[in-house]
Amino acid sequence: MLARVTEGPYPPGEQVSVYVLRRTEPTPLDTDMHQAFEVGVVLSGRQERSLGESVEDMTAGDVFLYSAWEPHGWRVTSPPTRELIVHFTPEYLGEETLEGTSWLSLFASAPGERPRIRSQDARWRALAVADEISGEVVERRSAWRDGVRWGVLRLLLTLYREWSARGKGGGAHARTSDLARLLPAIKLVGENSARRVSLREAAEACSLSVTQFRFVFCHTMGLSFGRFALRHRLAQAAHLLLTTELSVEEVARETGFADRSHLHHSFRRYYGMTPGRYQQEGRCLREPHVDASSVDEDRDAGGGRDQPRSG
């Protein structure tokens, strides 16, 4: 299991980046986390994608959604595979709604309650929209960026119509304007991976009372601030375990955990294994093979700079 922390959106300064990944061989489970929102469509092949405790087998036409700073995993099970990936900032879609429900609500719902493709008609529609998005980026005709934006909204509309849980749960109250109010706290967590950011400190950064902050954060992000901050530090710990020579004890100190035991307990609950085992198994796994043409640079809205290797 591999972990990677990627600073999005891609490239820096852009509100959106679009690219296509091709993988020609089966891969071990890999994980990623970034500050951009992500919408992806499996174009061909079969892959397994995980989000929290939710694991889904995905084939052509399936669509996946990941919120900002949300660790997610995947592995290729039936290559070759191709997938369209769109990373975007909240400003890109603004306050767009679907029957009065903010697009953000689809991302703020719990992993197991997020919309998914259920009908064959929706599957074909998702593939057609993904092809149109790719075409907009390749051809770059007048207003092509708007074409990509409308394509993303059409993908979300397709998911919304398939969503059995729409209008239910905390995600139904998510608003982009509230997300903007929370950005100082989210930035505070991102800049302080070596320590625990308190609820009061985060609320003060957003000029909100603790009660207001707790309510707005939960309804906007779909989870409590405490869980969000812990998830971020755990993802950083996973990244350090695989990319440095630091011991588990040193990683615990670097990511704000009291000691090895504290990291051990939290890490095992989230990743399903101990930090030591994660580090040992991760170092034994080969990097997922992606051929030289795995990223279609001419389809990158940012001109092919600073692209991640994964979805």
Protein backbone atom coordinates (compact mmCIF):
# COMPACT_ATOMS: atom_id res chain seq x y z
CA MET A 1 0.00 0.00 0.00
CA LEU A 2 1.61 3.24 -1.10
CA ALA A 3 0.80 6.77 0.03
CA ARG A 4 1.36 10.09 -1.62
CA VAL A 5 0.49 13.65 -0.60
CA THR A 6 0.06 15.90 -3.61
CA GLU A 7 -0.22 19.68 -3.54
CA GLY A 8 -3.07 20.59 -5.90
CA PRO A 9 -4.69 22.03 -7.89
CA TYR A 10 -2.66 21.32 -10.98
CA PRO A 11 -0.86 23.36 -12.08
CA PRO A 12 -0.52 26.02 -9.37
CA GLY A 13 -2.81 28.98 -9.93
CA GLU A 14 -5.28 27.10 -12.12
CA GLN A 15 -8.87 26.43 -11.05
CA VAL A 16 -9.06 23.19 -13.03
CA SER A 17 -6.82 20.52 -14.51
CA VAL A 18 -7.92 17.70 -16.81
CA TYR A 19 -5.87 14.69 -17.79
CA VAL A 20 -6.14 11.03 -18.80
CA LEU A 21 -4.16 8.21 -17.19
CA ARG A 22 -3.36 4.89 -18.82
CA ARG A 23 -2.09 1.90 -16.85
CA THR A 24 -0.92 -1.21 -18.65
CA GLU A 25 -0.30 -3.60 -15.74
CA PRO A 26 -2.02 -4.58 -12.49
CA THR A 27 -0.93 -2.37 -9.59
CA PRO A 28 -0.79 -2.75 -5.82
CA LEU A 29 -3.11 -0.62 -3.74
CA ASP A 30 -1.98 3.02 -3.82
CA THR A 31 -3.30 6.05 -1.94
CA ASP A 32 -3.32 9.80 -2.54
CA MET A 33 -4.52 13.04 -0.96
CA HIS A 34 -4.66 16.60 -2.35
CA GLN A 35 -6.36 19.91 -1.73
CA ALA A 36 -8.34 19.93 -4.99
CA PHE A 37 -11.76 18.33 -5.43
CA GLU A 38 -11.72 15.41 -7.83
CA VAL A 39 -14.19 13.91 -10.29
CA GLY A 40 -13.08 10.87 -12.26
CA VAL A 41 -14.55 8.52 -14.84
CA VAL A 42 -13.26 5.03 -15.57
CA LEU A 43 -13.00 4.86 -19.37
CA SER A 44 -11.87 1.26 -19.77
CA GLY A 45 -10.59 -1.70 -17.79
CA ARG A 46 -11.39 -2.53 -14.19
CA GLN A 47 -10.07 -1.04 -10.97
CA GLU A 48 -10.79 -1.09 -7.27
CA ARG A 49 -11.23 2.22 -5.46
CA SER A 50 -11.42 2.77 -1.72
CA LEU A 51 -12.60 5.69 0.39
CA GLY A 52 -12.63 5.17 4.13
CA GLU A 53 -14.22 1.78 4.76
CA SER A 54 -16.00 1.87 1.40
CA VAL A 55 -14.38 -0.25 -1.36
CA GLU A 56 -15.87 -0.41 -4.86
CA ASP A 57 -15.08 -2.42 -7.96
CA MET A 58 -15.28 0.00 -10.91
CA THR A 59 -15.56 -0.54 -14.64
CA ALA A 60 -16.08 1.66 -17.72
CA GLY A 61 -18.63 4.38 -17.03
CA ASP A 62 -18.29 4.41 -13.25
CA VAL A 63 -17.71 7.85 -11.70
CA PHE A 64 -15.85 8.61 -8.46
CA LEU A 65 -15.79 11.72 -6.26
CA TYR A 66 -13.18 12.82 -3.73
CA SER A 67 -13.35 15.87 -1.50
CA ALA A 68 -10.47 18.19 -0.62
CA TRP A 69 -7.74 16.62 1.53
CA GLU A 70 -9.55 13.28 1.49
CA PRO A 71 -7.23 10.24 1.38
CA HIS A 72 -8.40 7.72 -1.21
CA GLY A 73 -6.99 4.53 -2.68
CA TRP A 74 -7.12 2.50 -5.88
CA ARG A 75 -5.56 -0.46 -7.63
CA VAL A 76 -5.78 -1.73 -11.21
CA THR A 77 -7.25 -5.23 -11.34
CA SER A 78 -7.90 -5.72 -15.08
CA PRO A 79 -5.50 -3.75 -17.30
CA PRO A 80 -5.15 -1.95 -19.52
CA THR A 81 -7.15 0.85 -17.94
CA ARG A 82 -7.86 4.46 -18.83
CA GLU A 83 -9.50 7.10 -16.67
CA LEU A 84 -10.41 10.76 -17.02
CA ILE A 85 -9.47 12.88 -14.00
CA VAL A 86 -10.67 16.43 -13.29
CA HIS A 87 -9.23 18.35 -10.32
CA PHE A 88 -10.80 21.68 -9.49
CA THR A 89 -11.04 24.35 -6.80
CA PRO A 90 -14.40 25.21 -5.19
CA GLU A 91 -14.45 28.51 -7.08
CA TYR A 92 -14.59 26.62 -10.36
CA LEU A 93 -18.18 25.48 -9.80
CA GLY A 94 -19.17 28.30 -7.46
CA GLU A 95 -22.68 28.19 -6.01
CA GLU A 96 -24.20 25.92 -8.66
CA THR A 97 -27.08 23.81 -7.35
CA LEU A 98 -29.05 20.74 -8.40
CA GLU A 99 -32.70 21.17 -7.42
CA GLY A 100 -31.53 23.56 -4.73
CA THR A 101 -28.85 21.18 -3.47
CA SER A 102 -25.26 22.43 -3.72
CA TRP A 103 -22.84 20.37 -5.80
CA LEU A 104 -20.70 20.29 -2.65
CA SER A 105 -23.31 18.09 -0.97
CA LEU A 106 -22.37 15.17 -3.22
CA PHE A 107 -18.82 15.33 -1.82
CA ALA A 108 -19.85 16.09 1.78
CA SER A 109 -21.86 12.90 2.14
CA ALA A 110 -20.28 9.92 3.89
CA PRO A 111 -18.28 7.65 1.51
CA GLY A 112 -20.86 4.88 1.54
CA GLU A 113 -23.70 7.35 0.84
CA ARG A 114 -22.21 9.18 -2.11
CA PRO A 115 -23.91 8.86 -5.48
CA ARG A 116 -22.78 6.17 -7.88
CA ILE A 117 -23.71 5.02 -11.34
CA ARG A 118 -26.53 2.47 -11.13
CA SER A 119 -28.23 2.30 -14.53
CA GLN A 120 -26.81 1.43 -17.93
CA ASP A 121 -28.25 4.62 -19.37
CA ALA A 122 -26.35 6.72 -16.82
CA ARG A 123 -23.19 4.71 -17.52
CA TRP A 124 -23.30 5.51 -21.22
CA ARG A 125 -24.11 9.13 -20.47
CA ALA A 126 -21.08 9.42 -18.15
CA LEU A 127 -18.80 7.96 -20.84
CA ALA A 128 -20.21 10.35 -23.44
CA VAL A 129 -19.67 13.38 -21.20
CA ALA A 130 -16.13 12.23 -20.36
CA ASP A 131 -15.40 12.01 -24.09
CA GLU A 132 -16.77 15.53 -24.59
CA ILE A 133 -14.59 16.90 -21.77
CA SER A 134 -11.53 15.30 -23.33
CA GLY A 135 -12.49 16.76 -26.70
CA GLU A 136 -12.85 20.26 -25.25
CA VAL A 137 -9.32 20.13 -23.84
CA VAL A 138 -7.77 18.65 -26.98
CA GLU A 139 -9.50 20.99 -29.47
CA ARG A 140 -9.36 24.10 -27.28
CA ARG A 141 -12.03 25.94 -29.20
CA SER A 142 -13.52 29.21 -27.99
CA ALA A 143 -14.73 28.98 -24.36
CA TRP A 144 -13.31 25.46 -23.98
CA ARG A 145 -12.76 25.98 -20.26
CA ASP A 146 -16.47 26.71 -19.89
CA GLY A 147 -17.13 23.54 -21.86
CA VAL A 148 -15.11 21.56 -19.33
CA ARG A 149 -16.99 23.21 -16.47
CA TRP A 150 -20.36 22.35 -17.96
CA GLY A 151 -19.11 18.81 -18.55
CA VAL A 152 -18.23 18.44 -14.87
CA LEU A 153 -21.66 19.75 -13.89
CA ARG A 154 -23.31 17.28 -16.28
CA LEU A 155 -21.38 14.44 -14.64
CA LEU A 156 -22.57 15.62 -11.24
CA LEU A 157 -26.13 15.94 -12.57
CA THR A 158 -25.96 12.36 -13.83
CA LEU A 159 -24.80 11.19 -10.42
CA TYR A 160 -27.41 13.31 -8.65
CA ARG A 161 -30.22 11.68 -10.62
CA GLU A 162 -28.88 8.27 -9.60
CA TRP A 163 -28.44 9.30 -5.96
CA SER A 164 -30.82 7.40 -3.69
CA ALA A 165 -29.71 9.43 -0.65
CA ARG A 166 -30.17 12.89 -2.15
CA GLY A 167 -31.69 15.39 0.22
CA LYS A 168 -30.82 13.22 3.23
CA GLY A 169 -28.08 13.58 5.83
CA GLY A 170 -25.68 16.42 6.62
CA GLY A 171 -24.34 16.60 3.09
CA ALA A 172 -27.63 18.10 1.91
CA HIS A 173 -26.80 21.33 3.75
CA ALA A 174 -23.31 21.85 2.31
CA ARG A 175 -22.72 25.23 0.69
CA THR A 176 -19.71 26.53 -1.18
CA SER A 177 -19.96 29.86 0.64
CA ASP A 178 -19.54 28.00 3.94
CA LEU A 179 -16.50 26.21 2.56
CA ALA A 180 -14.88 29.58 1.92
CA ARG A 181 -15.44 30.49 5.57
CA LEU A 182 -13.64 27.30 6.62
CA LEU A 183 -10.57 27.70 4.44
CA PRO A 184 -8.46 29.39 7.17
CA ALA A 185 -8.94 26.33 9.42
CA ILE A 186 -8.24 23.90 6.59
CA LYS A 187 -5.09 25.83 5.72
CA LEU A 188 -4.09 25.81 9.39
CA VAL A 189 -4.28 22.01 9.47
CA GLY A 190 -2.29 21.73 6.24
CA GLU A 191 0.48 23.96 7.57
CA ASN A 192 0.72 22.24 10.95
CA SER A 193 1.06 18.53 10.30
CA ALA A 194 3.54 18.25 13.16
CA ARG A 195 0.99 19.12 15.83
CA ARG A 196 -2.65 18.80 16.72
CA VAL A 197 -4.71 21.89 15.86
CA SER A 198 -7.39 22.40 18.51
CA LEU A 199 -11.04 23.03 17.75
CA ARG A 200 -10.89 26.43 19.46
CA GLU A 201 -7.79 27.45 17.48
CA ALA A 202 -9.47 26.45 14.21
CA ALA A 203 -12.68 28.31 15.11
CA GLU A 204 -10.75 31.48 15.97
CA ALA A 205 -8.92 31.30 12.63
CA CYS A 206 -12.34 31.45 10.93
CA SER A 207 -13.68 34.15 13.25
CA LEU A 208 -16.45 31.83 14.43
CA SER A 209 -17.51 30.60 17.84
CA VAL A 210 -16.66 27.00 18.63
CA THR A 211 -20.34 26.04 18.38
CA GLN A 212 -20.79 27.77 15.02
CA PHE A 213 -17.55 26.35 13.66
CA ARG A 214 -18.38 22.80 14.73
CA PHE A 215 -21.79 22.97 13.03
CA VAL A 216 -20.61 24.60 9.80
CA PHE A 217 -17.59 22.33 9.44
CA CYS A 218 -19.53 19.12 9.92
CA HIS A 219 -22.29 20.07 7.49
CA THR A 220 -19.89 21.41 4.88
CA MET A 221 -17.14 18.79 4.98
CA GLY A 222 -19.26 15.83 5.99
CA LEU A 223 -17.23 15.00 9.10
CA SER A 224 -16.13 16.62 12.33
CA PHE A 225 -13.12 18.93 12.42
CA GLY A 226 -11.35 16.59 14.84
CA ARG A 227 -11.71 13.65 12.48
CA PHE A 228 -10.64 15.77 9.52
CA ALA A 229 -7.47 16.95 11.29
CA LEU A 230 -6.63 13.43 12.48
CA ARG A 231 -7.16 12.03 8.98
CA HIS A 232 -4.78 14.62 7.57
CA ARG A 233 -2.03 13.83 10.10
CA LEU A 234 -2.44 10.10 9.51
CA ALA A 235 -2.08 10.59 5.76
CA GLN A 236 1.09 12.61 6.39
CA ALA A 237 2.35 9.83 8.64
CA ALA A 238 1.68 7.25 5.93
CA HIS A 239 3.56 9.42 3.44
CA LEU A 240 6.60 9.71 5.72
CA LEU A 241 6.61 5.99 6.48
CA LEU A 242 7.04 5.21 2.80
CA THR A 243 9.17 8.08 1.55
CA THR A 244 11.72 8.56 4.35
CA GLU A 245 14.00 6.48 6.54
CA LEU A 246 12.34 7.74 9.71
CA SER A 247 11.37 5.18 12.34
CA VAL A 248 7.78 4.81 13.51
CA GLU A 249 8.68 6.72 16.67
CA GLU A 250 10.15 9.57 14.65
CA VAL A 251 7.15 9.67 12.32
CA ALA A 252 4.86 9.86 15.36
CA ARG A 253 6.74 12.92 16.60
CA GLU A 254 6.79 14.53 13.15
CA THR A 255 3.01 14.25 12.80
CA GLY A 256 1.89 15.39 16.24
CA PHE A 257 1.20 12.08 17.96
CA ALA A 258 2.17 11.67 21.60
CA ASP A 259 4.23 8.55 21.00
CA ARG A 260 4.49 5.37 18.94
CA SER A 261 1.55 3.80 20.79
CA HIS A 262 -0.73 6.75 20.02
CA LEU A 263 0.12 6.61 16.30
CA HIS A 264 -0.20 2.81 16.34
CA HIS A 265 -3.75 2.94 17.72
CA SER A 266 -5.01 5.68 15.40
CA PHE A 267 -3.23 4.37 12.31
CA ARG A 268 -4.57 0.85 12.73
CA ARG A 269 -8.16 2.10 13.01
CA TYR A 270 -7.90 4.05 9.75
CA TYR A 271 -5.56 1.93 7.60
CA GLY A 272 -6.36 -1.51 9.00
CA MET A 273 -2.74 -2.29 9.87
CA THR A 274 0.02 -1.06 12.15
CA PRO A 275 2.43 1.69 11.03
CA GLY A 276 5.33 -0.78 11.16
CA ARG A 277 3.58 -3.28 8.91
CA TYR A 278 2.46 -0.52 6.56
CA GLN A 279 6.04 0.71 6.27
CA GLN A 280 7.44 -2.77 5.73
CA GLU A 281 4.89 -3.85 3.14
CA GLY A 282 4.96 -0.51 1.33
CA ARG A 283 8.71 -0.62 0.83
CA CYS A 284 8.45 -4.10 -0.63
CA LEU A 285 5.86 -3.14 -3.22
CA ARG A 286 7.03 -2.02 -6.61
CA GLU A 287 5.75 1.31 -7.89
CA PRO A 288 2.63 0.89 -10.06
CA HIS A 289 3.76 0.69 -13.69
CA VAL A 290 2.58 3.56 -15.85
CA ASP A 291 3.91 3.68 -19.39
CA ALA A 292 5.52 6.76 -20.92
CA SER A 293 2.25 7.76 -22.54
CA SER A 294 0.27 7.35 -19.33
CA VAL A 295 -0.47 11.07 -19.13
CA ASP A 296 -1.88 12.77 -22.21
CA GLU A 297 -0.11 16.10 -21.85
CA ASP A 298 -2.11 17.64 -24.65
CA ARG A 299 -5.22 17.01 -22.58
CA ASP A 300 -3.94 18.80 -19.49
CA ALA A 301 -5.73 22.09 -18.95
CA GLY A 302 -2.53 23.45 -17.47
CA GLY A 303 -0.18 22.48 -20.29
CA GLY A 304 1.19 19.31 -18.70
CA ARG A 305 2.98 20.86 -15.69
CA ASP A 306 3.13 19.39 -12.19
CA GLN A 307 0.81 16.48 -12.84
CA PRO A 308 0.27 13.75 -10.26
CA ARG A 309 0.79 10.13 -11.23
CA SER A 310 -2.45 8.95 -9.77
CA GLY A 311 -6.15 9.63 -9.38
